[in-house]
Amino acid sequence: AGARWLSDGLLAVAVAMYGLLLAAWARRVTRHRHDVAAEL
C-alpha cells in the first residue's frame, strides 16, 4: 500500500518474535518433549 517505513518496522518485529519463539520452543522440545508429543 506504499508505507515502506511501517512495513520495515513490522518486519523487524516479526523477525524478533520469530527468534524469541524459536529459542523458547527449542527449550520446550528439549525439556518437555513428552508434553509436546501429547499435543501432537
PDB file of all heavy atoms in Angstrom:
ATOM      1  N   ALA A   1       0.816  -1.216   0.000  1.00  0.00           N
ATOM      2  CA  ALA A   1       0.000   0.000   0.000  1.00  0.00           C
ATOM      3  C   ALA A   1       0.849   1.265   0.000  1.00  0.00           C
ATOM      4  O   ALA A   1       0.301   2.374  -0.022  1.00  0.00           O
ATOM      5  CB  ALA A   1      -0.939  -0.004   1.199  1.00  0.00           C
ATOM      6  N   GLY A   2       2.167   1.117   0.068  1.00  0.00           N
ATOM      7  CA  GLY A   2       3.063   2.267  -0.040  1.00  0.00           C
ATOM      8  C   GLY A   2       3.733   2.713   1.239  1.00  0.00           C
ATOM      9  O   GLY A   2       4.570   3.623   1.203  1.00  0.00           O
ATOM     10  N   ALA A   3       3.416   2.110   2.369  1.00  0.00           N
ATOM     11  CA  ALA A   3       4.007   2.518   3.649  1.00  0.00           C
ATOM     12  C   ALA A   3       5.246   1.680   3.940  1.00  0.00           C
ATOM     13  O   ALA A   3       5.229   0.768   4.776  1.00  0.00           O
ATOM     14  CB  ALA A   3       2.981   2.388   4.771  1.00  0.00           C
ATOM     15  N   ARG A   4       6.346   1.990   3.245  1.00  0.00           N
ATOM     16  CA  ARG A   4       7.552   1.178   3.388  1.00  0.00           C
ATOM     17  C   ARG A   4       8.119   1.239   4.800  1.00  0.00           C
ATOM     18  O   ARG A   4       8.617   0.244   5.326  1.00  0.00           O
ATOM     19  CB  ARG A   4       8.606   1.630   2.396  1.00  0.00           C
ATOM     20  CG  ARG A   4       8.261   1.366   0.938  1.00  0.00           C
ATOM     21  CD  ARG A   4       8.046  -0.102   0.653  1.00  0.00           C
ATOM     22  NE  ARG A   4       9.124  -0.954   1.117  1.00  0.00           N
ATOM     23  CZ  ARG A   4       9.129  -2.267   1.041  1.00  0.00           C
ATOM     24  NH1 ARG A   4       8.082  -2.899   0.526  1.00  0.00           N
ATOM     25  NH2 ARG A   4      10.146  -2.979   1.484  1.00  0.00           N
ATOM     26  N   TRP A   5       8.082   2.411   5.409  1.00  0.00           N
ATOM     27  CA  TRP A   5       8.651   2.544   6.759  1.00  0.00           C
ATOM     28  C   TRP A   5       7.905   1.673   7.761  1.00  0.00           C
ATOM     29  O   TRP A   5       8.514   1.017   8.604  1.00  0.00           O
ATOM     30  CB  TRP A   5       8.599   4.010   7.195  1.00  0.00           C
ATOM     31  CG  TRP A   5       7.209   4.577   7.225  1.00  0.00           C
ATOM     32  CD1 TRP A   5       6.523   5.154   6.188  1.00  0.00           C
ATOM     33  CD2 TRP A   5       6.308   4.576   8.342  1.00  0.00           C
ATOM     34  NE1 TRP A   5       5.256   5.524   6.571  1.00  0.00           N
ATOM     35  CE2 TRP A   5       5.094   5.197   7.898  1.00  0.00           C
ATOM     36  CE3 TRP A   5       6.389   4.157   9.658  1.00  0.00           C
ATOM     37  CZ2 TRP A   5       3.998   5.375   8.729  1.00  0.00           C
ATOM     38  CZ3 TRP A   5       5.290   4.340  10.497  1.00  0.00           C
ATOM     39  CH2 TRP A   5       4.117   4.934  10.028  1.00  0.00           C
ATOM     40  N   LEU A   6       6.583   1.654   7.659  1.00  0.00           N
ATOM     41  CA  LEU A   6       5.793   0.810   8.559  1.00  0.00           C
ATOM     42  C   LEU A   6       6.012  -0.659   8.240  1.00  0.00           C
ATOM     43  O   LEU A   6       6.111  -1.498   9.152  1.00  0.00           O
ATOM     44  CB  LEU A   6       4.314   1.164   8.428  1.00  0.00           C
ATOM     45  CG  LEU A   6       3.334   0.378   9.311  1.00  0.00           C
ATOM     46  CD1 LEU A   6       3.698   0.507  10.778  1.00  0.00           C
ATOM     47  CD2 LEU A   6       1.903   0.846   9.064  1.00  0.00           C
ATOM     48  N   SER A   7       6.111  -0.986   6.972  1.00  0.00           N
ATOM     49  CA  SER A   7       6.361  -2.361   6.561  1.00  0.00           C
ATOM     50  C   SER A   7       7.681  -2.875   7.122  1.00  0.00           C
ATOM     51  O   SER A   7       7.752  -3.990   7.656  1.00  0.00           O
ATOM     52  CB  SER A   7       6.354  -2.451   5.033  1.00  0.00           C
ATOM     53  OG  SER A   7       6.684  -3.753   4.599  1.00  0.00           O
ATOM     54  N   ASP A   8       8.731  -2.053   7.004  1.00  0.00           N
ATOM     55  CA  ASP A   8      10.039  -2.475   7.517  1.00  0.00           C
ATOM     56  C   ASP A   8      10.023  -2.614   9.040  1.00  0.00           C
ATOM     57  O   ASP A   8      10.654  -3.519   9.594  1.00  0.00           O
ATOM     58  CB  ASP A   8      11.111  -1.472   7.093  1.00  0.00           C
ATOM     59  CG  ASP A   8      11.364  -1.496   5.591  1.00  0.00           C
ATOM     60  OD1 ASP A   8      10.974  -2.486   4.944  1.00  0.00           O
ATOM     61  OD2 ASP A   8      11.935  -0.519   5.070  1.00  0.00           O
ATOM     62  N   GLY A   9       9.299  -1.728   9.707  1.00  0.00           N
ATOM     63  CA  GLY A   9       9.201  -1.835  11.163  1.00  0.00           C
ATOM     64  C   GLY A   9       8.498  -3.102  11.604  1.00  0.00           C
ATOM     65  O   GLY A   9       8.939  -3.790  12.538  1.00  0.00           O
ATOM     66  N   LEU A  10       7.403  -3.424  10.936  1.00  0.00           N
ATOM     67  CA  LEU A  10       6.680  -4.651  11.275  1.00  0.00           C
ATOM     68  C   LEU A  10       7.513  -5.892  10.943  1.00  0.00           C
ATOM     69  O   LEU A  10       7.459  -6.896  11.668  1.00  0.00           O
ATOM     70  CB  LEU A  10       5.356  -4.703  10.517  1.00  0.00           C
ATOM     71  CG  LEU A  10       4.274  -3.729  11.002  1.00  0.00           C
ATOM     72  CD1 LEU A  10       3.093  -3.722  10.048  1.00  0.00           C
ATOM     73  CD2 LEU A  10       3.815  -4.092  12.411  1.00  0.00           C
ATOM     74  N   LEU A  11       8.289  -5.822   9.870  1.00  0.00           N
ATOM     75  CA  LEU A  11       9.176  -6.944   9.541  1.00  0.00           C
ATOM     76  C   LEU A  11      10.184  -7.166  10.655  1.00  0.00           C
ATOM     77  O   LEU A  11      10.445  -8.316  11.048  1.00  0.00           O
ATOM     78  CB  LEU A  11       9.889  -6.678   8.215  1.00  0.00           C
ATOM     79  CG  LEU A  11      10.951  -7.701   7.819  1.00  0.00           C
ATOM     80  CD1 LEU A  11      10.335  -9.085   7.635  1.00  0.00           C
ATOM     81  CD2 LEU A  11      11.662  -7.262   6.534  1.00  0.00           C
ATOM     82  N   ALA A  12      10.749  -6.092  11.167  1.00  0.00           N
ATOM     83  CA  ALA A  12      11.713  -6.221  12.264  1.00  0.00           C
ATOM     84  C   ALA A  12      11.050  -6.838  13.498  1.00  0.00           C
ATOM     85  O   ALA A  12      11.647  -7.694  14.179  1.00  0.00           O
ATOM     86  CB  ALA A  12      12.303  -4.853  12.608  1.00  0.00           C
ATOM     87  N   VAL A  13       9.823  -6.438  13.782  1.00  0.00           N
ATOM     88  CA  VAL A  13       9.092  -7.009  14.911  1.00  0.00           C
ATOM     89  C   VAL A  13       8.855  -8.507  14.691  1.00  0.00           C
ATOM     90  O   VAL A  13       9.037  -9.327  15.601  1.00  0.00           O
ATOM     91  CB  VAL A  13       7.749  -6.278  15.107  1.00  0.00           C
ATOM     92  CG1 VAL A  13       6.875  -7.008  16.133  1.00  0.00           C
ATOM     93  CG2 VAL A  13       7.994  -4.850  15.574  1.00  0.00           C
ATOM     94  N   ALA A  14       8.453  -8.871  13.467  1.00  0.00           N
ATOM     95  CA  ALA A  14       8.187 -10.283  13.159  1.00  0.00           C
ATOM     96  C   ALA A  14       9.454 -11.122  13.307  1.00  0.00           C
ATOM     97  O   ALA A  14       9.410 -12.241  13.847  1.00  0.00           O
ATOM     98  CB  ALA A  14       7.626 -10.412  11.748  1.00  0.00           C
ATOM     99  N   VAL A  15      10.575 -10.609  12.824  1.00  0.00           N
ATOM    100  CA  VAL A  15      11.840 -11.351  12.936  1.00  0.00           C
ATOM    101  C   VAL A  15      12.225 -11.524  14.394  1.00  0.00           C
ATOM    102  O   VAL A  15      12.665 -12.609  14.819  1.00  0.00           O
ATOM    103  CB  VAL A  15      12.951 -10.633  12.149  1.00  0.00           C
ATOM    104  CG1 VAL A  15      14.309 -11.247  12.456  1.00  0.00           C
ATOM    105  CG2 VAL A  15      12.673 -10.697  10.649  1.00  0.00           C
ATOM    106  N   ALA A  16      12.050 -10.473  15.198  1.00  0.00           N
ATOM    107  CA  ALA A  16      12.384 -10.572  16.620  1.00  0.00           C
ATOM    108  C   ALA A  16      11.497 -11.592  17.331  1.00  0.00           C
ATOM    109  O   ALA A  16      11.985 -12.414  18.127  1.00  0.00           O
ATOM    110  CB  ALA A  16      12.246  -9.193  17.273  1.00  0.00           C
ATOM    111  N   MET A  17      10.199 -11.554  17.043  1.00  0.00           N
ATOM    112  CA  MET A  17       9.285 -12.520  17.651  1.00  0.00           C
ATOM    113  C   MET A  17       9.653 -13.940  17.246  1.00  0.00           C
ATOM    114  O   MET A  17       9.626 -14.860  18.063  1.00  0.00           O
ATOM    115  CB  MET A  17       7.841 -12.212  17.262  1.00  0.00           C
ATOM    116  CG  MET A  17       7.247 -11.030  17.972  1.00  0.00           C
ATOM    117  SD  MET A  17       5.437 -10.954  17.782  1.00  0.00           S
ATOM    118  CE  MET A  17       5.310 -10.601  16.048  1.00  0.00           C
ATOM    119  N   TYR A  18       9.979 -14.109  15.974  1.00  0.00           N
ATOM    120  CA  TYR A  18      10.330 -15.446  15.486  1.00  0.00           C
ATOM    121  C   TYR A  18      11.550 -15.984  16.214  1.00  0.00           C
ATOM    122  O   TYR A  18      11.572 -17.152  16.646  1.00  0.00           O
ATOM    123  CB  TYR A  18      10.602 -15.382  13.980  1.00  0.00           C
ATOM    124  CG  TYR A  18      10.846 -16.731  13.343  1.00  0.00           C
ATOM    125  CD1 TYR A  18       9.788 -17.536  12.941  1.00  0.00           C
ATOM    126  CD2 TYR A  18      12.142 -17.207  13.150  1.00  0.00           C
ATOM    127  CE1 TYR A  18      10.000 -18.770  12.353  1.00  0.00           C
ATOM    128  CE2 TYR A  18      12.362 -18.448  12.562  1.00  0.00           C
ATOM    129  CZ  TYR A  18      11.300 -19.222  12.161  1.00  0.00           C
ATOM    130  OH  TYR A  18      11.521 -20.455  11.597  1.00  0.00           O
ATOM    131  N   GLY A  19      12.562 -15.151  16.384  1.00  0.00           N
ATOM    132  CA  GLY A  19      13.763 -15.599  17.080  1.00  0.00           C
ATOM    133  C   GLY A  19      13.483 -15.975  18.528  1.00  0.00           C
ATOM    134  O   GLY A  19      13.971 -17.012  19.014  1.00  0.00           O
ATOM    135  N   LEU A  20      12.707 -15.162  19.231  1.00  0.00           N
ATOM    136  CA  LEU A  20      12.378 -15.448  20.632  1.00  0.00           C
ATOM    137  C   LEU A  20      11.564 -16.736  20.753  1.00  0.00           C
ATOM    138  O   LEU A  20      11.828 -17.582  21.620  1.00  0.00           O
ATOM    139  CB  LEU A  20      11.607 -14.279  21.234  1.00  0.00           C
ATOM    140  CG  LEU A  20      12.388 -12.976  21.445  1.00  0.00           C
ATOM    141  CD1 LEU A  20      11.448 -11.865  21.881  1.00  0.00           C
ATOM    142  CD2 LEU A  20      13.496 -13.173  22.480  1.00  0.00           C
ATOM    143  N   LEU A  21      10.569 -16.867  19.886  1.00  0.00           N
ATOM    144  CA  LEU A  21       9.728 -18.064  19.945  1.00  0.00           C
ATOM    145  C   LEU A  21      10.504 -19.316  19.567  1.00  0.00           C
ATOM    146  O   LEU A  21      10.300 -20.383  20.160  1.00  0.00           O
ATOM    147  CB  LEU A  21       8.524 -17.892  19.018  1.00  0.00           C
ATOM    148  CG  LEU A  21       7.448 -16.931  19.518  1.00  0.00           C
ATOM    149  CD1 LEU A  21       6.500 -16.558  18.390  1.00  0.00           C
ATOM    150  CD2 LEU A  21       6.679 -17.538  20.676  1.00  0.00           C
ATOM    151  N   LEU A  22      11.399 -19.192  18.605  1.00  0.00           N
ATOM    152  CA  LEU A  22      12.192 -20.349  18.195  1.00  0.00           C
ATOM    153  C   LEU A  22      13.078 -20.823  19.338  1.00  0.00           C
ATOM    154  O   LEU A  22      13.181 -22.030  19.603  1.00  0.00           O
ATOM    155  CB  LEU A  22      13.046 -19.987  16.980  1.00  0.00           C
ATOM    156  CG  LEU A  22      13.620 -21.149  16.170  1.00  0.00           C
ATOM    157  CD1 LEU A  22      12.502 -21.990  15.569  1.00  0.00           C
ATOM    158  CD2 LEU A  22      14.530 -20.610  15.063  1.00  0.00           C
ATOM    159  N   ALA A  23      13.688 -19.871  20.052  1.00  0.00           N
ATOM    160  CA  ALA A  23      14.525 -20.242  21.193  1.00  0.00           C
ATOM    161  C   ALA A  23      13.685 -20.876  22.304  1.00  0.00           C
ATOM    162  O   ALA A  23      14.085 -21.874  22.918  1.00  0.00           O
ATOM    163  CB  ALA A  23      15.257 -19.008  21.715  1.00  0.00           C
ATOM    164  N   ALA A  24      12.508 -20.290  22.560  1.00  0.00           N
ATOM    165  CA  ALA A  24      11.647 -20.831  23.615  1.00  0.00           C
ATOM    166  C   ALA A  24      11.158 -22.236  23.265  1.00  0.00           C
ATOM    167  O   ALA A  24      11.110 -23.130  24.124  1.00  0.00           O
ATOM    168  CB  ALA A  24      10.458 -19.895  23.840  1.00  0.00           C
ATOM    169  N   TRP A  25      10.794 -22.446  21.987  1.00  0.00           N
ATOM    170  CA  TRP A  25      10.328 -23.772  21.587  1.00  0.00           C
ATOM    171  C   TRP A  25      11.451 -24.794  21.574  1.00  0.00           C
ATOM    172  O   TRP A  25      11.225 -25.983  21.866  1.00  0.00           O
ATOM    173  CB  TRP A  25       9.649 -23.705  20.225  1.00  0.00           C
ATOM    174  CG  TRP A  25       8.180 -23.503  20.370  1.00  0.00           C
ATOM    175  CD1 TRP A  25       7.489 -22.342  20.277  1.00  0.00           C
ATOM    176  CD2 TRP A  25       7.219 -24.505  20.709  1.00  0.00           C
ATOM    177  NE1 TRP A  25       6.154 -22.545  20.512  1.00  0.00           N
ATOM    178  CE2 TRP A  25       5.962 -23.869  20.780  1.00  0.00           C
ATOM    179  CE3 TRP A  25       7.293 -25.867  20.960  1.00  0.00           C
ATOM    180  CZ2 TRP A  25       4.802 -24.554  21.092  1.00  0.00           C
ATOM    181  CZ3 TRP A  25       6.120 -26.557  21.258  1.00  0.00           C
ATOM    182  CH2 TRP A  25       4.900 -25.904  21.328  1.00  0.00           C
ATOM    183  N   ALA A  26      12.658 -24.357  21.265  1.00  0.00           N
ATOM    184  CA  ALA A  26      13.791 -25.285  21.342  1.00  0.00           C
ATOM    185  C   ALA A  26      13.980 -25.771  22.771  1.00  0.00           C
ATOM    186  O   ALA A  26      14.231 -26.966  23.009  1.00  0.00           O
ATOM    187  CB  ALA A  26      15.060 -24.601  20.836  1.00  0.00           C
ATOM    188  N   ARG A  27      13.848 -24.873  23.734  1.00  0.00           N
ATOM    189  CA  ARG A  27      13.931 -25.272  25.144  1.00  0.00           C
ATOM    190  C   ARG A  27      12.790 -26.208  25.514  1.00  0.00           C
ATOM    191  O   ARG A  27      12.983 -27.197  26.232  1.00  0.00           O
ATOM    192  CB  ARG A  27      13.905 -24.043  26.048  1.00  0.00           C
ATOM    193  CG  ARG A  27      15.141 -23.174  25.992  1.00  0.00           C
ATOM    194  CD  ARG A  27      15.195 -22.216  27.152  1.00  0.00           C
ATOM    195  NE  ARG A  27      14.022 -21.363  27.225  1.00  0.00           N
ATOM    196  CZ  ARG A  27      13.914 -20.184  26.638  1.00  0.00           C
ATOM    197  NH1 ARG A  27      14.929 -19.716  25.911  1.00  0.00           N
ATOM    198  NH2 ARG A  27      12.816 -19.458  26.749  1.00  0.00           N
ATOM    199  N   ARG A  28      11.592 -25.881  25.008  1.00  0.00           N
ATOM    200  CA  ARG A  28      10.446 -26.714  25.385  1.00  0.00           C
ATOM    201  C   ARG A  28      10.571 -28.122  24.826  1.00  0.00           C
ATOM    202  O   ARG A  28      10.291 -29.109  25.527  1.00  0.00           O
ATOM    203  CB  ARG A  28       9.145 -26.087  24.879  1.00  0.00           C
ATOM    204  CG  ARG A  28       7.966 -26.886  25.396  1.00  0.00           C
ATOM    205  CD  ARG A  28       6.651 -26.284  25.055  1.00  0.00           C
ATOM    206  NE  ARG A  28       5.633 -27.047  25.764  1.00  0.00           N
ATOM    207  CZ  ARG A  28       4.482 -27.433  25.257  1.00  0.00           C
ATOM    208  NH1 ARG A  28       4.164 -27.119  24.031  1.00  0.00           N
ATOM    209  NH2 ARG A  28       3.640 -28.137  25.965  1.00  0.00           N
ATOM    210  N   VAL A  29      10.944 -28.233  23.564  1.00  0.00           N
ATOM    211  CA  VAL A  29      11.098 -29.558  22.961  1.00  0.00           C
ATOM    212  C   VAL A  29      12.167 -30.362  23.686  1.00  0.00           C
ATOM    213  O   VAL A  29      12.042 -31.583  23.877  1.00  0.00           O
ATOM    214  CB  VAL A  29      11.434 -29.424  21.464  1.00  0.00           C
ATOM    215  CG1 VAL A  29      11.806 -30.771  20.869  1.00  0.00           C
ATOM    216  CG2 VAL A  29      10.245 -28.830  20.711  1.00  0.00           C
ATOM    217  N   THR A  30      13.205 -29.686  24.141  1.00  0.00           N
ATOM    218  CA  THR A  30      14.292 -30.369  24.847  1.00  0.00           C
ATOM    219  C   THR A  30      13.868 -30.825  26.236  1.00  0.00           C
ATOM    220  O   THR A  30      14.145 -31.957  26.649  1.00  0.00           O
ATOM    221  CB  THR A  30      15.517 -29.445  24.951  1.00  0.00           C
ATOM    222  OG1 THR A  30      15.935 -29.079  23.635  1.00  0.00           O
ATOM    223  CG2 THR A  30      16.663 -30.141  25.675  1.00  0.00           C
ATOM    224  N   ARG A  31      13.164 -29.957  26.947  1.00  0.00           N
ATOM    225  CA  ARG A  31      12.849 -30.216  28.351  1.00  0.00           C
ATOM    226  C   ARG A  31      11.516 -30.937  28.557  1.00  0.00           C
ATOM    227  O   ARG A  31      11.340 -31.635  29.559  1.00  0.00           O
ATOM    228  CB  ARG A  31      12.823 -28.897  29.124  1.00  0.00           C
ATOM    229  CG  ARG A  31      14.147 -28.156  29.104  1.00  0.00           C
ATOM    230  CD  ARG A  31      14.005 -26.811  29.798  1.00  0.00           C
ATOM    231  NE  ARG A  31      15.238 -26.038  29.748  1.00  0.00           N
ATOM    232  CZ  ARG A  31      15.375 -24.819  30.259  1.00  0.00           C
ATOM    233  NH1 ARG A  31      14.337 -24.234  30.845  1.00  0.00           N
ATOM    234  NH2 ARG A  31      16.532 -24.178  30.173  1.00  0.00           N
ATOM    235  N   HIS A  32      10.571 -30.728  27.642  1.00  0.00           N
ATOM    236  CA  HIS A  32       9.215 -31.259  27.848  1.00  0.00           C
ATOM    237  C   HIS A  32       8.735 -31.988  26.606  1.00  0.00           C
ATOM    238  O   HIS A  32       7.603 -31.797  26.151  1.00  0.00           O
ATOM    239  CB  HIS A  32       8.254 -30.121  28.195  1.00  0.00           C
ATOM    240  CG  HIS A  32       8.707 -29.248  29.315  1.00  0.00           C
ATOM    241  ND1 HIS A  32       8.792 -29.690  30.614  1.00  0.00           N
ATOM    242  CD2 HIS A  32       9.131 -27.957  29.321  1.00  0.00           C
ATOM    243  CE1 HIS A  32       9.223 -28.699  31.385  1.00  0.00           C
ATOM    244  NE2 HIS A  32       9.449 -27.647  30.621  1.00  0.00           N
ATOM    245  N   ARG A  33       9.573 -32.825  26.048  1.00  0.00           N
ATOM    246  CA  ARG A  33       9.203 -33.477  24.797  1.00  0.00           C
ATOM    247  C   ARG A  33       7.994 -34.395  24.938  1.00  0.00           C
ATOM    248  O   ARG A  33       7.260 -34.605  23.975  1.00  0.00           O
ATOM    249  CB  ARG A  33      10.384 -34.255  24.228  1.00  0.00           C
ATOM    250  CG  ARG A  33      11.037 -35.247  25.151  1.00  0.00           C
ATOM    251  CD  ARG A  33      12.255 -35.876  24.469  1.00  0.00           C
ATOM    252  NE  ARG A  33      12.994 -36.755  25.368  1.00  0.00           N
ATOM    253  CZ  ARG A  33      13.950 -36.346  26.177  1.00  0.00           C
ATOM    254  NH1 ARG A  33      14.271 -35.055  26.213  1.00  0.00           N
ATOM    255  NH2 ARG A  33      14.587 -37.187  26.964  1.00  0.00           N
ATOM    256  N   HIS A  34       7.755 -34.936  26.138  1.00  0.00           N
ATOM    257  CA  HIS A  34       6.567 -35.783  26.321  1.00  0.00           C
ATOM    258  C   HIS A  34       5.280 -34.963  26.226  1.00  0.00           C
ATOM    259  O   HIS A  34       4.270 -35.430  25.693  1.00  0.00           O
ATOM    260  CB  HIS A  34       6.642 -36.510  27.664  1.00  0.00           C
ATOM    261  CG  HIS A  34       7.802 -37.465  27.760  1.00  0.00           C
ATOM    262  ND1 HIS A  34       7.917 -38.571  26.941  1.00  0.00           N
ATOM    263  CD2 HIS A  34       8.893 -37.479  28.560  1.00  0.00           C
ATOM    264  CE1 HIS A  34       9.019 -39.226  27.235  1.00  0.00           C
ATOM    265  NE2 HIS A  34       9.641 -38.584  28.212  1.00  0.00           N
ATOM    266  N   ASP A  35       5.326 -33.729  26.740  1.00  0.00           N
ATOM    267  CA  ASP A  35       4.165 -32.844  26.610  1.00  0.00           C
ATOM    268  C   ASP A  35       3.918 -32.492  25.151  1.00  0.00           C
ATOM    269  O   ASP A  35       2.772 -32.458  24.689  1.00  0.00           O
ATOM    270  CB  ASP A  35       4.387 -31.564  27.423  1.00  0.00           C
ATOM    271  CG  ASP A  35       4.395 -31.818  28.923  1.00  0.00           C
ATOM    272  OD1 ASP A  35       3.893 -32.872  29.343  1.00  0.00           O
ATOM    273  OD2 ASP A  35       4.901 -30.966  29.664  1.00  0.00           O
ATOM    274  N   VAL A  36       4.999 -32.184  24.436  1.00  0.00           N
ATOM    275  CA  VAL A  36       4.862 -31.854  23.014  1.00  0.00           C
ATOM    276  C   VAL A  36       4.307 -33.049  22.244  1.00  0.00           C
ATOM    277  O   VAL A  36       3.420 -32.897  21.388  1.00  0.00           O
ATOM    278  CB  VAL A  36       6.219 -31.420  22.433  1.00  0.00           C
ATOM    279  CG1 VAL A  36       6.109 -31.188  20.928  1.00  0.00           C
ATOM    280  CG2 VAL A  36       6.724 -30.163  23.129  1.00  0.00           C
ATOM    281  N   ALA A  37       4.792 -34.241  22.552  1.00  0.00           N
ATOM    282  CA  ALA A  37       4.295 -35.444  21.877  1.00  0.00           C
ATOM    283  C   ALA A  37       2.808 -35.641  22.151  1.00  0.00           C
ATOM    284  O   ALA A  37       2.042 -36.034  21.255  1.00  0.00           O
ATOM    285  CB  ALA A  37       5.088 -36.663  22.334  1.00  0.00           C
ATOM    286  N   ALA A  38       2.377 -35.348  23.371  1.00  0.00           N
ATOM    287  CA  ALA A  38       0.957 -35.479  23.701  1.00  0.00           C
ATOM    288  C   ALA A  38       0.117 -34.479  22.912  1.00  0.00           C
ATOM    289  O   ALA A  38      -0.988 -34.803  22.451  1.00  0.00           O
ATOM    290  CB  ALA A  38       0.753 -35.270  25.201  1.00  0.00           C
ATOM    291  N   GLU A  39       0.622 -33.271  22.724  1.00  0.00           N
ATOM    292  CA  GLU A  39      -0.109 -32.268  21.950  1.00  0.00           C
ATOM    293  C   GLU A  39      -0.188 -32.655  20.477  1.00  0.00           C
ATOM    294  O   GLU A  39      -1.165 -32.336  19.803  1.00  0.00           O
ATOM    295  CB  GLU A  39       0.560 -30.906  22.106  1.00  0.00           C
ATOM    296  CG  GLU A  39       0.372 -30.308  23.494  1.00  0.00           C
ATOM    297  CD  GLU A  39       1.235 -29.096  23.734  1.00  0.00           C
ATOM    298  OE1 GLU A  39       2.185 -28.871  22.961  1.00  0.00           O
ATOM    299  OE2 GLU A  39       0.967 -28.370  24.711  1.00  0.00           O
ATOM    300  N   LEU A  40       0.820 -33.341  19.993  1.00  0.00           N
ATOM    301  CA  LEU A  40       0.799 -33.806  18.609  1.00  0.00           C
ATOM    302  C   LEU A  40      -0.194 -34.955  18.413  1.00  0.00           C
ATOM    303  O   LEU A  40      -0.516 -35.299  17.277  1.00  0.00           O
ATOM    304  CB  LEU A  40       2.196 -34.250  18.174  1.00  0.00           C
ATOM    305  CG  LEU A  40       3.201 -33.127  17.943  1.00  0.00           C
ATOM    306  CD1 LEU A  40       4.609 -33.692  17.789  1.00  0.00           C
ATOM    307  CD2 LEU A  40       2.830 -32.303  16.716  1.00  0.00           C
TER     308      LEU A  40
END
